[in-house]
Every structure is written in structure tokens, then in C-alpha cells.
């Protein structure tokens, strides 16, 4: 759901469209303004990789985790994609 919403957001983007984060609210995909997410303090963030390995993703995830920790957020790693999330294979970074 979130992937489809992200693609729709990209297709609907214009030069004046503010950046957004695709998230879930209940069972619905929603777009939340990026600046609203950035201004929210001390929240939990889980990093979940799904699909085939992609070049540069380890560095991108590592950077995202470091920024999250430096901003005071609690960062989590999810092992084995969605199946690992379902099975509770979540650890604190």
C-alpha cells in the first residue's frame, strides 16, 4: 500500500509540491508533510529492507540511523523483511 502511494505521490508531484512521507494511519496509506515529521520529536523508527539487495542501501540506512539517533529518536532494525517484523525479529540499534 505504501509503495503504491509513494509512486502516486511521485507522479502527482509538481515543482511546488512540498516533500512528504508516506505512512499508514490505521489501514490507509497517507501522505504526511516531511517538515511535520521532522518537527515531531522523540519517536520510534524501524528500518525494514525488502526485496533484492540494492547498491548503496547499507550506507543510506546507516546514515539514516545515525541521524535518527543524533536527533533523539529510538531506532530499530527489522531482520528478514516483513516476515521478520511479523515474527518480532526487531532489535534496538
Protein backbone atom coordinates (compact mmCIF):
# COMPACT_ATOMS: atom_id res chain seq x y z
CA UNK A 1 0.00 0.00 0.00
CA UNK A 2 2.69 2.42 0.98
CA UNK A 3 4.71 1.67 -2.16
CA UNK A 4 1.73 2.38 -4.40
CA UNK A 5 1.03 5.61 -2.50
CA UNK A 6 4.68 6.64 -2.88
CA UNK A 7 4.51 6.09 -6.66
CA UNK A 8 1.26 8.07 -6.88
CA UNK A 9 2.84 10.88 -4.86
CA UNK A 10 5.78 10.96 -7.28
CA UNK A 11 3.51 11.00 -10.33
CA UNK A 12 1.45 13.87 -8.88
CA UNK A 13 4.47 15.97 -7.86
CA UNK A 14 4.97 19.44 -9.29
CA UNK A 15 7.74 21.97 -8.68
CA UNK A 16 5.66 23.48 -5.86
CA UNK A 17 4.69 20.23 -4.12
CA UNK A 18 6.13 20.04 -0.60
CA UNK A 19 8.08 16.90 0.32
CA UNK A 20 6.07 14.21 2.08
CA UNK A 21 6.46 10.95 3.94
CA UNK A 22 4.20 8.04 3.07
CA UNK A 23 2.88 6.33 6.17
CA UNK A 24 -0.04 4.28 7.46
CA UNK A 25 -2.91 5.60 9.52
CA UNK A 26 -4.90 2.56 10.55
CA UNK A 27 -5.10 0.56 7.33
CA UNK A 28 -4.95 3.56 4.98
CA UNK A 29 -1.85 4.95 3.27
CA UNK A 30 -1.45 8.65 3.95
CA UNK A 31 0.97 11.40 2.97
CA UNK A 32 2.34 13.44 5.83
CA UNK A 33 4.33 16.63 5.13
CA UNK A 34 8.04 15.96 5.67
CA UNK A 35 8.53 19.06 7.82
CA UNK A 36 5.71 17.92 10.12
CA UNK A 37 7.54 14.60 10.59
CA UNK A 38 10.87 16.31 11.19
CA UNK A 39 9.37 18.61 13.84
CA UNK A 40 7.93 15.67 15.75
CA UNK A 41 10.38 14.84 18.49
CA UNK A 42 11.44 11.56 20.04
CA UNK A 43 9.61 8.93 18.06
CA UNK A 44 10.33 5.30 17.18
CA UNK A 45 11.67 4.49 13.71
CA UNK A 46 12.05 0.97 12.32
CA UNK A 47 14.24 0.24 9.31
CA UNK A 48 12.99 -2.62 7.16
CA UNK A 49 14.65 -3.69 3.90
CA UNK A 50 12.54 -5.69 1.48
CA UNK A 51 13.49 -7.27 -1.81
CA UNK A 52 16.78 -7.76 -3.60
CA UNK A 53 19.96 -6.04 -2.43
CA UNK A 54 20.49 -2.59 -3.93
CA UNK A 55 23.79 -0.78 -4.25
CA UNK A 56 24.26 1.95 -1.67
CA UNK A 57 21.42 0.94 0.63
CA UNK A 58 23.69 -0.09 3.52
CA UNK A 59 25.31 3.34 3.54
CA UNK A 60 21.93 5.09 3.23
CA UNK A 61 20.41 3.09 6.10
CA UNK A 62 23.49 3.61 8.26
CA UNK A 63 23.29 7.37 7.68
CA UNK A 64 19.55 7.44 8.42
CA UNK A 65 20.08 5.54 11.68
CA UNK A 66 22.91 7.84 12.78
CA UNK A 67 20.83 10.95 12.07
CA UNK A 68 17.84 9.44 13.89
CA UNK A 69 19.90 8.60 16.95
CA UNK A 70 21.56 12.03 16.98
CA UNK A 71 18.12 13.65 16.88
CA UNK A 72 17.00 11.65 19.92
CA UNK A 73 14.79 9.11 18.15
CA UNK A 74 14.72 5.43 19.10
CA UNK A 75 15.88 3.44 16.09
CA UNK A 76 15.06 -0.23 15.44
CA UNK A 77 16.28 -2.80 12.93
CA UNK A 78 13.90 -5.41 11.49
CA UNK A 79 15.52 -8.62 10.28
CA UNK A 80 14.17 -10.71 7.36
CA UNK A 81 11.74 -8.13 5.96
CA UNK A 82 8.02 -8.28 6.66
CA UNK A 83 8.22 -11.89 7.84
CA UNK A 84 10.79 -10.88 10.44
CA UNK A 85 8.61 -7.98 11.54
CA UNK A 86 5.66 -10.34 11.93
CA UNK A 87 7.80 -12.77 13.93
CA UNK A 88 9.10 -10.00 16.18
CA UNK A 89 12.69 -10.04 14.88
CA UNK A 90 13.14 -6.41 15.88
CA UNK A 91 16.16 -5.09 17.73
CA UNK A 92 17.13 -1.68 19.03
CA UNK A 93 20.06 -0.03 17.27
